[in-house]
Amino acid sequence: MNTLLKLLLGTIAVLVADLLLRGVSLGDMDTLDGVLTAVLTAAVLALLNSFLKPILILFTLPITLLSLGLFLLVINAGLVMLADSIVPGFTIEAPRFWWALGFSLVLSVVQGLLQGMDRKDERQGQ
């Protein structure tokens, strides 16, 4: 799957998560600023997941193993909170950790569904 398609799917997932969670805001969705914020948020999250997440997993491997992988949810929420501090217009209300955790869970489910539909289309086209 090419990079632009991944960015598009990530943007759609960010928009869906914004619609489902009242504690997460991408700004005014009636203007172009809200959509640009969603694209920027998806891009920043993709970069954080590509470069920072493997390092964090490596450093927290003992606690991740002891928690049977549940600490990965904490890492995901932390990356969403980091994206909140980087991307202007993307805000998470208090309690930030719980909204970030919910956002990361919704984002994962929606992205999984969208990528599954894309794979299904690829198999039917062969």
Protein backbone atom coordinates (compact mmCIF):
# COMPACT_ATOMS: atom_id res chain seq x y z
CA MET A 1 0.00 0.00 0.00
CA ASN A 2 1.53 3.30 -0.97
CA THR A 3 2.22 6.16 1.40
CA LEU A 4 -0.57 8.45 0.21
CA LEU A 5 -3.18 5.73 0.66
CA LYS A 6 -1.90 5.03 4.17
CA LEU A 7 -2.09 8.75 4.96
CA LEU A 8 -5.64 8.90 3.59
CA LEU A 9 -6.73 5.90 5.67
CA GLY A 10 -5.06 7.39 8.74
CA THR A 11 -6.81 10.71 8.16
CA ILE A 12 -10.18 8.99 7.85
CA ALA A 13 -9.48 7.07 11.07
CA VAL A 14 -8.54 10.31 12.87
CA LEU A 15 -11.76 11.97 11.65
CA VAL A 16 -13.87 9.01 12.80
CA ALA A 17 -12.18 9.02 16.21
CA ASP A 18 -12.86 12.76 16.47
CA LEU A 19 -16.54 12.15 15.72
CA LEU A 20 -16.85 9.31 18.25
CA LEU A 21 -14.96 10.84 21.19
CA ARG A 22 -16.12 14.11 22.70
CA GLY A 23 -12.84 14.57 24.60
CA VAL A 24 -10.82 14.84 21.39
CA SER A 25 -11.04 17.84 19.08
CA LEU A 26 -9.53 18.63 15.71
CA GLY A 27 -10.93 22.15 15.63
CA ASP A 28 -13.71 23.51 13.46
CA MET A 29 -14.61 20.82 10.91
CA ASP A 30 -16.70 23.30 8.88
CA THR A 31 -13.52 24.89 7.59
CA LEU A 32 -10.48 23.56 5.81
CA ASP A 33 -8.44 24.02 9.01
CA GLY A 34 -10.11 21.04 10.67
CA VAL A 35 -9.39 18.73 7.75
CA LEU A 36 -5.80 19.96 7.53
CA THR A 37 -5.43 19.34 11.26
CA ALA A 38 -6.68 15.78 10.72
CA VAL A 39 -4.16 15.21 7.92
CA LEU A 40 -1.35 16.67 10.00
CA THR A 41 -2.36 14.61 13.03
CA ALA A 42 -2.40 11.41 10.96
CA ALA A 43 1.03 12.25 9.51
CA VAL A 44 2.55 13.05 12.92
CA LEU A 45 1.12 9.89 14.44
CA ALA A 46 2.48 7.84 11.55
CA LEU A 47 5.93 9.34 12.01
CA LEU A 48 5.86 8.83 15.78
CA ASN A 49 4.72 5.22 15.32
CA SER A 50 7.44 4.59 12.74
CA PHE A 51 10.40 6.11 14.53
CA LEU A 52 9.72 6.59 18.24
CA LYS A 53 7.47 3.63 19.06
CA PRO A 54 10.05 0.88 18.30
CA ILE A 55 12.57 2.63 20.57
CA LEU A 56 10.01 2.93 23.37
CA ILE A 57 9.04 -0.72 22.99
CA LEU A 58 12.69 -1.75 23.21
CA PHE A 59 13.30 0.29 26.37
CA THR A 60 10.10 -0.91 28.05
CA LEU A 61 10.37 -4.55 27.00
CA PRO A 62 10.60 -5.95 30.56
CA ILE A 63 7.45 -4.19 31.78
CA THR A 64 5.69 -5.01 28.50
CA LEU A 65 6.45 -8.69 29.00
CA LEU A 66 5.38 -8.60 32.65
CA SER A 67 2.10 -6.94 31.73
CA LEU A 68 1.56 -9.43 28.87
CA GLY A 69 1.68 -6.63 26.32
CA LEU A 70 -0.82 -4.30 28.01
CA PHE A 71 1.87 -1.67 28.51
CA LEU A 72 1.76 -1.12 24.74
CA LEU A 73 -1.58 0.63 25.35
CA VAL A 74 0.24 3.08 27.62
CA ILE A 75 2.86 3.67 24.91
CA ASN A 76 0.13 4.31 22.33
CA ALA A 77 -1.64 6.78 24.64
CA GLY A 78 1.66 8.52 25.32
CA LEU A 79 2.30 8.92 21.59
CA VAL A 80 -1.17 10.41 21.11
CA MET A 81 -0.51 12.87 23.95
CA LEU A 82 2.82 13.76 22.32
CA ALA A 83 1.01 14.36 19.02
CA ASP A 84 -1.41 16.58 20.96
CA SER A 85 1.49 18.76 22.06
CA ILE A 86 3.02 18.86 18.55
CA VAL A 87 0.01 19.44 16.28
CA PRO A 88 -1.71 22.83 16.60
CA GLY A 89 -5.48 22.48 16.67
CA PHE A 90 -5.44 18.87 17.93
CA THR A 91 -6.53 18.91 21.56
CA ILE A 92 -7.32 16.28 24.14
CA GLU A 93 -9.39 17.28 27.16
CA ALA A 94 -8.70 16.26 30.74
CA PRO A 95 -8.31 13.49 31.86
CA ARG A 96 -5.83 13.43 28.97
CA PHE A 97 -4.53 9.88 29.43
CA TRP A 98 -7.94 8.24 29.24
CA TRP A 99 -9.07 10.23 26.19
CA ALA A 100 -5.72 9.52 24.52
CA LEU A 101 -6.12 5.82 25.30
CA GLY A 102 -9.65 5.81 23.87
CA PHE A 103 -8.44 7.74 20.81
CA SER A 104 -5.65 5.24 20.18
CA LEU A 105 -8.04 2.30 20.54
CA VAL A 106 -10.63 3.80 18.17
CA LEU A 107 -7.87 4.75 15.75
CA SER A 108 -6.49 1.19 15.75
CA VAL A 109 -9.90 -0.40 15.18
CA VAL A 110 -10.89 1.98 12.38
CA GLN A 111 -7.50 1.69 10.65
CA GLY A 112 -7.70 -2.09 10.90
CA LEU A 113 -11.15 -2.12 9.34
CA LEU A 114 -10.12 0.24 6.54
CA GLN A 115 -6.94 -1.68 5.76
CA GLY A 116 -8.87 -4.95 5.84
CA MET A 117 -11.31 -3.57 3.28
CA ASP A 118 -8.37 -2.47 1.11
CA ARG A 119 -6.79 -5.94 1.28
CA LYS A 120 -10.14 -7.50 0.39
CA ASP A 121 -10.35 -5.29 -2.71
CA GLU A 122 -6.79 -6.26 -3.71
CA ARG A 123 -7.62 -9.99 -3.45
CA GLN A 124 -10.78 -9.61 -5.52
CA GLY A 125 -8.90 -7.71 -8.22
CA GLN A 126 -6.45 -10.57 -8.83
